[in-house]
Amino acid sequence: MLMLMFFAALPPEHHPFLDDHVIYSIVLLGLAEVNAGDTFGVGRWWSKTPVVERYPILR
């Protein structure tokens, strides 16, 4: 969604790689990659619920 908002505002007013949408997207992808929800959130609890154990795609 952030990248769609970035592309909707083309051409950017300022530097295209320092746009806040690009930076937020990179940060969110990084948090998802390192499983930050297990450390800082309820990811560990959520992965142990019966629904997620039955449907692992919800992890």
Protein backbone atom coordinates (compact mmCIF):
# COMPACT_ATOMS: atom_id res chain seq x y z
CA MET A 1 0.00 0.00 0.00
CA LEU A 2 2.86 2.36 0.79
CA MET A 3 4.45 1.70 -2.58
CA LEU A 4 1.14 2.35 -4.34
CA MET A 5 0.96 5.69 -2.54
CA PHE A 6 4.52 6.41 -3.69
CA PHE A 7 3.72 5.65 -7.32
CA ALA A 8 0.53 7.73 -7.19
CA ALA A 9 2.57 10.83 -6.38
CA LEU A 10 5.03 10.54 -9.27
CA PRO A 11 7.09 12.52 -10.01
CA PRO A 12 8.23 13.01 -6.40
CA GLU A 13 8.84 16.51 -5.10
CA HIS A 14 12.12 15.56 -3.43
CA HIS A 15 14.69 12.80 -3.70
CA PRO A 16 12.89 9.61 -4.87
CA PHE A 17 14.91 7.22 -2.70
CA LEU A 18 14.53 9.25 0.47
CA ASP A 19 10.74 9.44 0.20
CA ASP A 20 8.99 8.42 3.41
CA HIS A 21 6.88 5.77 1.65
CA VAL A 22 9.99 3.98 0.39
CA ILE A 23 11.72 4.13 3.77
CA TYR A 24 8.62 2.87 5.62
CA SER A 25 8.25 0.01 3.14
CA ILE A 26 11.86 -1.07 3.65
CA VAL A 27 11.48 -0.91 7.44
CA LEU A 28 8.27 -2.95 7.39
CA LEU A 29 9.81 -5.59 5.12
CA GLY A 30 12.82 -5.77 7.44
CA LEU A 31 10.61 -6.24 10.50
CA ALA A 32 8.67 -8.99 8.76
CA GLU A 33 11.88 -10.72 7.67
CA VAL A 34 13.32 -10.94 11.18
CA ASN A 35 10.00 -12.06 12.74
CA ALA A 36 9.80 -9.00 14.97
CA GLY A 37 6.31 -10.05 16.06
CA ASP A 38 7.79 -12.97 17.99
CA THR A 39 10.01 -10.61 19.98
CA PHE A 40 8.05 -7.37 20.25
CA GLY A 41 4.49 -8.53 19.72
CA VAL A 42 2.08 -11.43 20.10
CA GLY A 43 3.51 -13.51 17.23
CA ARG A 44 4.68 -16.35 19.46
CA TRP A 45 1.28 -16.59 21.16
CA TRP A 46 -0.55 -16.29 17.82
CA SER A 47 1.46 -19.13 16.25
CA LYS A 48 0.37 -21.48 19.06
CA THR A 49 -3.37 -20.92 18.59
CA PRO A 50 -5.33 -23.85 17.12
CA VAL A 51 -6.45 -21.86 14.08
CA VAL A 52 -2.89 -21.07 13.05
CA GLU A 53 -1.71 -24.59 13.75
CA ARG A 54 -4.43 -25.84 11.40
CA TYR A 55 -3.83 -23.13 8.76
CA PRO A 56 -0.11 -22.18 8.86
CA ILE A 57 -0.59 -19.59 6.11
CA LEU A 58 -1.96 -17.29 8.85
CA ARG A 59 1.43 -17.18 10.51
